[in-house]
Protein backbone atom coordinates (compact mmCIF):
# COMPACT_ATOMS: atom_id res chain seq x y z
CA MET A 1 -17.61 79.25 -93.91
CA ALA A 2 -16.02 79.38 -90.44
CA ILE A 3 -17.48 81.97 -88.10
CA TRP A 4 -15.31 83.76 -85.57
CA ARG A 5 -16.81 85.82 -82.76
CA LEU A 6 -15.40 88.51 -80.51
CA LEU A 7 -16.88 88.49 -77.01
CA ARG A 8 -16.34 90.90 -74.11
CA ALA A 9 -16.28 90.09 -70.39
CA VAL A 10 -16.21 93.06 -68.00
CA GLU A 11 -14.83 92.54 -64.50
CA SER A 12 -15.29 96.07 -63.13
CA ILE A 13 -15.26 99.73 -64.07
CA TRP A 14 -12.37 101.53 -62.40
CA GLU A 15 -12.71 105.26 -61.85
CA ALA A 16 -9.91 107.80 -61.44
CA ASP A 17 -9.59 111.55 -61.63
CA VAL A 18 -8.31 112.69 -65.02
CA GLY A 19 -5.26 114.06 -63.20
CA PHE A 20 -4.15 110.51 -62.43
CA PHE A 21 -3.17 110.12 -66.08
CA PHE A 22 -3.25 113.67 -67.46
CA ARG A 23 -1.70 116.30 -65.21
CA ASP A 24 -2.59 119.92 -65.52
CA THR A 25 -5.49 119.49 -67.91
CA ALA A 26 -8.22 122.03 -67.32
CA ARG A 27 -11.92 121.34 -67.76
CA GLU A 28 -11.76 123.31 -71.02
CA PHE A 29 -9.47 120.64 -72.46
CA TRP A 30 -12.09 117.94 -71.85
CA GLN A 31 -15.23 119.85 -72.88
CA PRO A 32 -14.82 119.32 -76.67
CA HIS A 33 -14.77 115.57 -75.97
CA PHE A 34 -17.86 115.38 -73.74
CA ASP A 35 -20.12 114.46 -76.66
CA TRP A 36 -18.37 111.14 -77.29
CA MET A 37 -16.85 110.41 -73.85
CA CYS A 38 -19.77 111.17 -71.54
CA PRO A 39 -21.35 109.43 -69.77
CA ASN A 40 -19.67 106.04 -70.44
CA ALA A 41 -15.97 106.98 -70.31
CA LEU A 42 -15.99 110.27 -68.41
CA ASP A 43 -18.20 111.92 -65.81
CA ALA A 44 -18.55 115.52 -67.02
CA GLU A 45 -19.37 116.85 -63.56
CA THR A 46 -16.55 115.24 -61.55
CA LEU A 47 -14.01 114.77 -64.40
CA ARG A 48 -13.49 111.16 -63.40
CA LEU A 49 -12.49 108.65 -66.07
CA LYS A 50 -14.37 105.34 -66.20
CA MET A 51 -12.07 102.56 -67.34
CA PRO A 52 -13.34 99.02 -67.85
CA MET A 53 -11.28 96.13 -66.55
CA GLN A 54 -12.22 93.66 -69.26
CA SER A 55 -11.19 90.70 -71.36
CA TYR A 56 -11.95 89.84 -74.90
CA ILE A 57 -12.55 86.30 -76.03
CA VAL A 58 -11.85 85.36 -79.63
CA GLN A 59 -14.06 82.40 -80.37
CA THR A 60 -13.10 80.35 -83.40
CA PRO A 61 -14.82 77.17 -84.58
CA HIS A 62 -12.20 75.21 -82.59
CA HIS A 63 -10.81 77.42 -79.81
CA ASN A 64 -11.62 80.06 -77.22
CA ILE A 65 -8.75 82.54 -76.88
CA LEU A 66 -8.85 84.80 -73.82
CA ILE A 67 -7.06 88.14 -74.27
CA ASP A 68 -5.98 89.61 -70.93
CA THR A 69 -7.38 88.34 -67.67
CA CYS A 70 -8.21 91.49 -65.69
CA VAL A 71 -7.42 91.87 -61.98
CA GLY A 72 -8.55 88.47 -60.74
CA GLY A 73 -10.47 87.43 -57.66
CA LEU A 74 -9.48 87.84 -54.02
CA LYS A 75 -6.09 89.44 -54.72
CA ASN A 76 -4.29 91.18 -51.86
CA LEU A 77 -3.95 94.67 -53.37
CA PRO A 78 -4.32 97.14 -50.44
CA LYS A 79 -3.15 100.12 -52.51
CA TYR A 80 -6.22 99.61 -54.69
CA PRO A 81 -9.18 99.36 -52.28
CA GLU A 82 -11.70 98.68 -55.05
CA TRP A 83 -9.65 95.63 -56.14
CA ASN A 84 -8.36 94.48 -52.74
CA LEU A 85 -9.77 91.02 -51.86
CA ASN A 86 -12.67 91.61 -54.25
CA PRO A 87 -14.00 88.28 -55.57
CA HIS A 88 -14.92 89.94 -58.90
CA THR A 89 -17.81 87.54 -59.48
CA ARG A 90 -19.04 89.93 -62.19
CA TYR A 91 -16.23 88.59 -64.38
CA THR A 92 -17.05 84.91 -63.98
CA ASP A 93 -20.72 85.81 -64.44
CA ALA A 94 -19.84 87.61 -67.69
CA LEU A 95 -17.99 84.53 -68.96
CA ALA A 96 -20.95 82.36 -67.96
CA ALA A 97 -23.31 84.67 -69.87
CA HIS A 98 -21.33 83.70 -72.98
CA GLY A 99 -21.64 80.04 -72.02
CA LEU A 100 -18.00 79.89 -70.90
CA GLY A 101 -16.03 79.03 -67.78
CA PHE A 102 -12.29 78.86 -67.21
CA GLY A 103 -12.30 75.24 -68.35
CA ASP A 104 -13.57 76.31 -71.77
CA ILE A 105 -10.55 78.53 -72.49
CA HIS A 106 -7.96 76.96 -74.78
CA TYR A 107 -5.38 79.76 -74.92
CA VAL A 108 -4.61 82.85 -72.84
CA MET A 109 -2.81 85.85 -74.34
CA CYS A 110 -1.62 88.67 -72.09
CA THR A 111 -0.86 91.91 -73.88
CA HIS A 112 1.37 92.97 -70.98
CA LEU A 113 1.90 92.13 -67.33
CA HIS A 114 0.17 94.89 -65.40
CA THR A 115 -2.08 93.67 -62.60
CA ASP A 116 -5.25 94.56 -64.49
CA HIS A 117 -4.19 92.38 -67.44
CA CYS A 118 -2.97 89.15 -65.82
CA GLY A 119 -4.88 88.76 -62.57
CA TRP A 120 -6.89 85.61 -63.30
CA ASN A 121 -3.70 83.88 -64.47
CA THR A 122 -3.05 83.03 -60.83
CA LYS A 123 -5.15 82.06 -57.85
CA ALA A 124 -4.94 84.35 -54.86
CA GLY A 125 -1.81 83.54 -52.87
CA LYS A 126 -0.46 81.03 -55.41
CA ARG A 127 2.57 81.68 -57.59
CA PRO A 128 2.26 79.39 -60.62
CA LEU A 129 0.77 80.99 -63.67
CA GLY A 130 -2.31 79.24 -64.91
CA SER A 131 -3.88 78.27 -61.59
CA ASP A 132 -7.33 79.72 -62.38
CA LEU A 133 -6.94 78.62 -65.99
CA PRO A 134 -5.53 75.12 -65.47
CA GLN A 135 -3.34 73.61 -68.18
CA ARG A 136 -3.99 76.42 -70.63
CA PRO A 137 -1.09 77.70 -72.73
CA LEU A 138 -0.26 81.22 -71.64
CA HIS A 139 1.11 83.45 -74.39
CA LEU A 140 3.20 86.47 -73.52
CA PHE A 141 5.48 88.47 -75.72
CA GLU A 142 9.02 87.10 -75.40
CA LYS A 143 10.36 90.53 -74.46
CA ARG A 144 7.97 90.65 -71.48
CA ILE A 145 8.98 87.19 -70.34
CA ARG A 146 12.66 88.18 -70.41
CA ALA A 147 11.80 91.33 -68.44
CA LEU A 148 10.37 89.17 -65.65
CA GLY A 149 13.73 87.50 -65.22
CA GLY A 150 12.08 84.37 -63.86
CA ARG A 151 10.06 86.29 -61.28
CA GLN A 152 6.51 85.45 -62.34
CA GLU A 153 4.99 86.90 -59.20
CA ARG A 154 5.80 90.42 -60.45
CA CYS A 155 2.64 90.35 -62.54
CA LEU A 156 0.61 90.20 -59.33
CA GLN A 157 1.76 93.58 -58.05
CA PRO A 158 0.51 96.88 -59.47
CA LYS A 159 3.05 98.99 -61.28
CA ARG A 160 3.54 102.21 -59.36
CA PRO A 161 4.79 105.29 -61.16
CA ALA A 162 8.36 106.19 -60.31
CA SER A 163 8.95 109.54 -58.67
CA GLY A 164 9.32 112.29 -61.25
CA ARG A 165 7.44 110.46 -64.00
CA SER A 166 4.57 111.99 -65.92
CA ARG A 167 1.87 110.10 -64.00
CA PRO A 168 1.08 111.50 -60.53
CA ARG A 169 0.93 109.24 -57.51
CA ARG A 170 -2.53 108.06 -56.62
CA SER A 171 -3.92 109.49 -53.40
CA GLY A 172 -5.52 107.26 -50.78
């Protein structure tokens, strides 16, 4: 019988005030959820969400399939100080703890093209997809590829909420 495994590699834990995603939610809204969210996903005292930047690796008897590639190392992202020029060695260490390096990945699947999902697809300052994961097929949904319109570098820049949208602008 073939055994498949699901592995997790965490790059970082990003924190943001709940208001970044959920405007106008009072503490009373969150209190019924403290029992299952705190302390790993929410700090009850500060009402800051804790969101892992992580990949999953599906390991089959023949292939290692990397799902999403986090933020990536040494990216120029000044609007996100915790990500800006960060080498994110925790991520490569997490892969190594599973006995894996980039050369052991056979396929890469990106669920979408936000910065925190496609960062290791490129080396810092280089445009071609697949630089950190050399010669690995990169699978994106066709609709997302068409949306890029041939501008692959768009996946390197964080999506910023448009004015008037439901998500507030991030301070700092």
